[in-house]
Amino acid sequence: VSKSYVEGTTSLEEYISSLKATVGLGVLVEAVGIGNEKGDLTRLGVEPAKNSRALKTPTCKALASLEPSDIIQSLTG
């Protein structure tokens, strides 16, 4: 399934559904869950967004020169 996804013959939805069927929902969520409790990205579809502020992003050229720590700082504020 991973190979067919990388090759572009399987959609992201099909790929995730196949992973869920193979390893189970709990393992899949544990593997890709980011954050905790209300900050968990797995809950985005369940709860309405409360903060709709726009992110200021650098241009593509500026992004290429960023270090990982700069990217994290930009995303976390």
N, C-alpha and C. Protein backbone atom coordinates (compact mmCIF):
# COMPACT_ATOMS: atom_id res chain seq x y z
N VAL A 1 0.83 -1.19 0.00
CA VAL A 1 0.00 0.00 0.00
C VAL A 1 0.87 1.25 0.00
N SER A 2 1.93 1.25 0.82
CA SER A 2 2.82 2.42 0.86
C SER A 2 3.46 2.66 -0.49
N LYS A 3 3.86 1.58 -1.15
CA LYS A 3 4.49 1.71 -2.46
C LYS A 3 3.52 2.32 -3.47
N SER A 4 2.27 1.85 -3.47
CA SER A 4 1.30 2.38 -4.42
C SER A 4 0.97 3.84 -4.12
N TYR A 5 1.00 4.23 -2.84
CA TYR A 5 0.77 5.64 -2.49
C TYR A 5 1.92 6.50 -3.01
N VAL A 6 3.15 6.05 -2.79
CA VAL A 6 4.32 6.80 -3.26
C VAL A 6 4.31 6.91 -4.78
N GLU A 7 3.88 5.85 -5.44
CA GLU A 7 3.82 5.86 -6.91
C GLU A 7 2.66 6.69 -7.44
N GLY A 8 1.74 7.08 -6.56
CA GLY A 8 0.62 7.92 -6.97
C GLY A 8 -0.59 7.15 -7.46
N THR A 9 -0.61 5.82 -7.27
CA THR A 9 -1.76 5.03 -7.72
C THR A 9 -2.81 4.86 -6.63
N THR A 10 -2.50 5.28 -5.42
CA THR A 10 -3.44 5.21 -4.30
C THR A 10 -3.60 6.61 -3.72
N SER A 11 -4.83 7.02 -3.44
CA SER A 11 -5.07 8.34 -2.86
C SER A 11 -4.67 8.34 -1.38
N LEU A 12 -4.52 9.51 -0.83
CA LEU A 12 -4.19 9.63 0.60
C LEU A 12 -5.29 9.00 1.44
N GLU A 13 -6.54 9.22 1.07
CA GLU A 13 -7.66 8.65 1.82
C GLU A 13 -7.62 7.12 1.80
N GLU A 14 -7.34 6.54 0.63
CA GLU A 14 -7.24 5.08 0.53
C GLU A 14 -6.06 4.56 1.35
N TYR A 15 -4.96 5.28 1.31
CA TYR A 15 -3.75 4.89 2.05
C TYR A 15 -4.02 4.88 3.55
N ILE A 16 -4.62 5.93 4.06
CA ILE A 16 -4.92 6.02 5.50
C ILE A 16 -5.93 4.95 5.89
N SER A 17 -6.95 4.73 5.07
CA SER A 17 -7.95 3.70 5.37
C SER A 17 -7.30 2.32 5.43
N SER A 18 -6.37 2.07 4.53
CA SER A 18 -5.67 0.79 4.52
C SER A 18 -4.80 0.63 5.77
N LEU A 19 -4.11 1.70 6.15
CA LEU A 19 -3.31 1.66 7.38
C LEU A 19 -4.19 1.40 8.59
N LYS A 20 -5.33 2.07 8.64
CA LYS A 20 -6.26 1.88 9.76
C LYS A 20 -6.74 0.44 9.82
N ALA A 21 -7.06 -0.14 8.68
CA ALA A 21 -7.52 -1.53 8.65
C ALA A 21 -6.41 -2.50 9.05
N THR A 22 -5.17 -2.16 8.72
CA THR A 22 -4.04 -3.04 9.01
C THR A 22 -3.62 -2.98 10.47
N VAL A 23 -3.44 -1.78 11.01
CA VAL A 23 -2.89 -1.65 12.37
C VAL A 23 -3.93 -1.30 13.42
N GLY A 24 -5.10 -0.85 13.01
CA GLY A 24 -6.14 -0.45 13.95
C GLY A 24 -6.10 1.05 14.19
N LEU A 25 -7.25 1.59 14.53
CA LEU A 25 -7.38 3.04 14.72
C LEU A 25 -6.51 3.55 15.86
N GLY A 26 -6.47 2.84 16.98
CA GLY A 26 -5.69 3.29 18.13
C GLY A 26 -4.22 3.45 17.81
N VAL A 27 -3.64 2.47 17.14
CA VAL A 27 -2.22 2.53 16.78
C VAL A 27 -1.97 3.64 15.78
N LEU A 28 -2.88 3.79 14.81
CA LEU A 28 -2.72 4.84 13.81
C LEU A 28 -2.75 6.23 14.45
N VAL A 29 -3.71 6.46 15.32
CA VAL A 29 -3.81 7.76 16.00
C VAL A 29 -2.59 8.00 16.87
N GLU A 30 -2.14 6.97 17.57
CA GLU A 30 -0.95 7.12 18.42
C GLU A 30 0.28 7.45 17.59
N ALA A 31 0.37 6.85 16.40
CA ALA A 31 1.53 7.08 15.54
C ALA A 31 1.54 8.47 14.92
N VAL A 32 0.38 9.02 14.58
CA VAL A 32 0.35 10.31 13.90
C VAL A 32 -0.22 11.44 14.74
N GLY A 33 -0.74 11.13 15.91
CA GLY A 33 -1.29 12.17 16.79
C GLY A 33 -0.21 13.14 17.20
N ILE A 34 -0.49 14.42 17.07
CA ILE A 34 0.46 15.46 17.43
C ILE A 34 -0.21 16.35 18.46
N GLY A 35 0.46 16.57 19.56
CA GLY A 35 -0.11 17.41 20.61
C GLY A 35 -0.78 16.56 21.66
N ASN A 36 -1.56 17.21 22.50
CA ASN A 36 -2.28 16.48 23.53
C ASN A 36 -3.58 17.19 23.84
N GLU A 37 -4.53 16.44 24.31
CA GLU A 37 -5.85 16.93 24.69
C GLU A 37 -6.42 17.88 23.65
N LYS A 38 -6.76 19.11 24.03
CA LYS A 38 -7.40 20.04 23.09
C LYS A 38 -6.45 20.54 22.01
N GLY A 39 -5.13 20.38 22.21
CA GLY A 39 -4.17 20.79 21.21
C GLY A 39 -3.83 19.69 20.22
N ASP A 40 -4.51 18.56 20.31
CA ASP A 40 -4.22 17.40 19.47
C ASP A 40 -4.76 17.65 18.06
N LEU A 41 -3.90 17.54 17.06
CA LEU A 41 -4.32 17.80 15.69
C LEU A 41 -5.31 16.77 15.17
N THR A 42 -5.44 15.62 15.84
CA THR A 42 -6.40 14.62 15.40
C THR A 42 -7.82 15.05 15.68
N ARG A 43 -8.04 16.12 16.44
CA ARG A 43 -9.38 16.58 16.81
C ARG A 43 -9.85 17.75 15.95
N LEU A 44 -9.08 18.16 14.95
CA LEU A 44 -9.43 19.33 14.16
C LEU A 44 -10.79 19.20 13.48
N GLY A 45 -11.15 18.02 13.02
CA GLY A 45 -12.42 17.85 12.34
C GLY A 45 -13.60 17.82 13.28
N VAL A 46 -13.36 17.67 14.58
CA VAL A 46 -14.43 17.53 15.56
C VAL A 46 -14.80 18.85 16.19
N GLU A 47 -13.82 19.68 16.47
CA GLU A 47 -14.07 20.94 17.16
C GLU A 47 -13.89 22.13 16.22
N PRO A 48 -14.76 23.12 16.31
CA PRO A 48 -14.60 24.30 15.46
C PRO A 48 -13.36 25.10 15.89
N ALA A 49 -12.75 25.74 14.94
CA ALA A 49 -11.57 26.55 15.23
C ALA A 49 -11.98 27.79 16.01
N LYS A 50 -11.23 28.11 17.05
CA LYS A 50 -11.53 29.28 17.87
C LYS A 50 -10.61 30.44 17.54
N ASN A 51 -9.45 30.13 17.00
CA ASN A 51 -8.47 31.16 16.69
C ASN A 51 -8.24 31.15 15.18
N SER A 52 -8.69 32.18 14.51
CA SER A 52 -8.57 32.19 13.06
C SER A 52 -7.56 33.23 12.58
N ARG A 53 -6.56 33.52 13.41
CA ARG A 53 -5.57 34.51 12.99
C ARG A 53 -4.75 33.97 11.81
N ALA A 54 -4.40 34.86 10.92
CA ALA A 54 -3.63 34.47 9.75
C ALA A 54 -2.16 34.36 10.12
N LEU A 55 -1.50 33.36 9.57
CA LEU A 55 -0.07 33.21 9.80
C LEU A 55 0.69 34.04 8.78
N LYS A 56 1.73 34.70 9.24
CA LYS A 56 2.60 35.43 8.33
C LYS A 56 3.71 34.46 7.95
N THR A 57 3.83 34.18 6.65
CA THR A 57 4.84 33.25 6.20
C THR A 57 5.84 33.95 5.30
N PRO A 58 7.10 33.56 5.43
CA PRO A 58 8.12 34.15 4.58
C PRO A 58 7.95 33.69 3.12
N THR A 59 8.62 34.39 2.21
CA THR A 59 8.58 33.99 0.80
C THR A 59 9.33 32.67 0.63
N CYS A 60 9.16 32.04 -0.53
CA CYS A 60 9.82 30.75 -0.79
C CYS A 60 11.33 30.85 -0.65
N LYS A 61 11.90 31.94 -1.14
CA LYS A 61 13.35 32.10 -1.05
C LYS A 61 13.78 32.19 0.41
N ALA A 62 13.02 32.91 1.22
CA ALA A 62 13.34 33.03 2.64
C ALA A 62 13.16 31.69 3.35
N LEU A 63 12.18 30.91 2.96
CA LEU A 63 11.95 29.60 3.59
C LEU A 63 13.13 28.67 3.37
N ALA A 64 13.75 28.73 2.21
CA ALA A 64 14.85 27.84 1.89
C ALA A 64 16.05 28.06 2.81
N SER A 65 16.18 29.26 3.36
CA SER A 65 17.33 29.55 4.20
C SER A 65 17.07 29.32 5.69
N LEU A 66 15.86 28.92 6.06
CA LEU A 66 15.54 28.73 7.47
C LEU A 66 16.13 27.44 8.02
N GLU A 67 16.59 27.51 9.24
CA GLU A 67 17.04 26.34 9.99
C GLU A 67 15.82 25.72 10.65
N PRO A 68 15.87 24.44 11.02
CA PRO A 68 14.73 23.81 11.70
C PRO A 68 14.25 24.59 12.92
N SER A 69 15.16 25.12 13.71
CA SER A 69 14.76 25.88 14.89
C SER A 69 13.99 27.15 14.51
N ASP A 70 14.36 27.76 13.38
CA ASP A 70 13.65 28.95 12.89
C ASP A 70 12.23 28.59 12.45
N ILE A 71 12.08 27.44 11.82
CA ILE A 71 10.76 27.00 11.38
C ILE A 71 9.87 26.74 12.58
N ILE A 72 10.41 26.06 13.58
CA ILE A 72 9.65 25.78 14.81
C ILE A 72 9.24 27.08 15.48
N GLN A 73 10.16 28.02 15.58
CA GLN A 73 9.86 29.31 16.20
C GLN A 73 8.77 30.04 15.43
N SER A 74 8.83 29.99 14.11
CA SER A 74 7.83 30.65 13.28
C SER A 74 6.45 30.03 13.48
N LEU A 75 6.40 28.71 13.61
CA LEU A 75 5.11 28.03 13.78
C LEU A 75 4.54 28.17 15.18
N THR A 76 5.39 28.24 16.19
CA THR A 76 4.91 28.28 17.57
C THR A 76 4.76 29.69 18.10
N GLY A 77 5.33 30.66 17.42
CA GLY A 77 5.16 32.05 17.83
C GLY A 77 6.20 32.55 18.69
